[in-house]
Amino acid sequence: MSDQSSGGQADRISAEIAALASLGIRDLKSRWRALYDTEPPARISRELLTSTIAYRLQEREFGGSMWSFGKGPGLAFPPKTDGDFAVIEQCSG
């Protein structure tokens, strides 16, 4: 892949993420359903919905998550949950 191609890719994703700010809550929830193939949490804030969608767009375009939910260095297993969300804790040692 050329630098120009990946630059265009980054520009496209940046524009798509910027466009999220203009979407209403219903459109954001629809976008969530399309990306996650599940319903969004019932009481999710607009801000968290937007940032989570933005993260997923980047993850799909540029590669997988830097987090893993297994026994790995520096990660607690299993992750605790706080309502609808996983709580990631850093382990020391």
Protein backbone atom coordinates (compact mmCIF):
# COMPACT_ATOMS: atom_id res chain seq x y z
CA MET A 1 0.00 0.00 0.00
CA SER A 2 1.43 3.37 -0.92
CA ASP A 3 1.75 6.36 1.41
CA GLN A 4 -0.68 8.28 -0.78
CA SER A 5 -3.23 5.46 -0.51
CA SER A 6 -2.99 5.25 3.29
CA GLY A 7 -3.15 9.06 3.49
CA GLY A 8 -6.40 9.00 1.51
CA GLN A 9 -7.66 6.23 3.75
CA ALA A 10 -6.90 8.29 6.88
CA ASP A 11 -8.54 11.37 5.34
CA ARG A 12 -11.67 9.38 4.50
CA ILE A 13 -11.95 7.94 8.02
CA SER A 14 -11.29 11.38 9.55
CA ALA A 15 -14.11 12.87 7.46
CA GLU A 16 -16.44 10.01 8.40
CA ILE A 17 -15.66 10.51 12.10
CA ALA A 18 -16.12 14.28 11.83
CA ALA A 19 -19.54 13.68 10.24
CA LEU A 20 -20.67 11.77 13.34
CA ALA A 21 -20.97 15.10 15.18
CA SER A 22 -23.82 16.15 12.89
CA LEU A 23 -25.84 12.94 13.35
CA GLY A 24 -28.82 12.73 15.66
CA ILE A 25 -29.07 10.10 18.38
CA ARG A 26 -31.30 7.85 16.23
CA ASP A 27 -28.80 7.92 13.37
CA LEU A 28 -25.93 7.20 15.77
CA LYS A 29 -27.81 4.23 17.22
CA SER A 30 -28.49 2.98 13.70
CA ARG A 31 -24.79 3.31 12.93
CA TRP A 32 -23.98 1.37 16.13
CA ARG A 33 -26.31 -1.46 15.03
CA ALA A 34 -24.62 -1.64 11.64
CA LEU A 35 -21.11 -1.71 13.11
CA TYR A 36 -21.68 -3.96 16.14
CA ASP A 37 -24.61 -6.09 14.89
CA THR A 38 -26.35 -5.55 18.23
CA GLU A 39 -28.46 -2.96 20.02
CA PRO A 40 -26.59 -0.14 21.75
CA PRO A 41 -26.88 0.00 25.55
CA ALA A 42 -30.21 1.59 26.49
CA ARG A 43 -28.80 4.49 28.50
CA ILE A 44 -25.62 5.23 26.53
CA SER A 45 -24.73 8.91 26.26
CA ARG A 46 -24.42 10.60 22.89
CA GLU A 47 -20.74 11.32 23.60
CA LEU A 48 -19.91 7.71 24.42
CA LEU A 49 -21.92 6.47 21.44
CA THR A 50 -20.03 8.82 19.13
CA SER A 51 -16.58 7.96 20.48
CA THR A 52 -17.27 4.22 20.42
CA ILE A 53 -18.45 4.37 16.81
CA ALA A 54 -15.38 6.42 15.89
CA TYR A 55 -13.15 3.84 17.56
CA ARG A 56 -14.82 0.98 15.67
CA LEU A 57 -14.44 2.78 12.34
CA GLN A 58 -10.72 3.21 12.98
CA GLU A 59 -10.34 -0.33 14.26
CA ARG A 60 -11.94 -1.79 11.13
CA GLU A 61 -9.94 0.40 8.78
CA PHE A 62 -6.51 0.32 10.39
CA GLY A 63 -6.43 -2.91 12.34
CA GLY A 64 -7.51 -4.61 15.51
CA SER A 65 -7.70 -3.42 19.02
CA MET A 66 -4.67 -2.84 21.20
CA TRP A 67 -6.65 -4.45 24.06
CA SER A 68 -7.05 -8.16 24.44
CA PHE A 69 -9.39 -9.83 26.86
CA GLY A 70 -7.24 -12.75 27.81
CA LYS A 71 -4.33 -13.56 30.00
CA GLY A 72 -1.76 -11.16 28.68
CA PRO A 73 0.92 -8.98 30.18
CA GLY A 74 -0.48 -6.01 32.05
CA LEU A 75 -4.17 -6.88 31.74
CA ALA A 76 -6.60 -8.00 34.43
CA PHE A 77 -8.58 -11.12 33.57
CA PRO A 78 -11.50 -11.37 33.39
CA PRO A 79 -12.47 -7.73 32.96
CA LYS A 80 -14.88 -6.38 35.57
CA THR A 81 -18.12 -4.90 34.37
CA ASP A 82 -19.81 -1.71 35.44
CA GLY A 83 -23.33 -1.88 34.05
CA ASP A 84 -23.05 -2.30 30.29
CA PHE A 85 -19.32 -1.61 30.03
CA ALA A 86 -16.14 -3.54 30.73
CA VAL A 87 -13.70 -1.97 33.15
CA ILE A 88 -10.08 -2.51 32.15
CA GLU A 89 -7.56 -2.50 34.98
CA GLN A 90 -3.82 -2.33 34.61
CA CYS A 91 -1.98 -5.05 36.53
CA SER A 92 1.37 -4.39 38.11
CA GLY A 93 3.49 -7.45 37.88
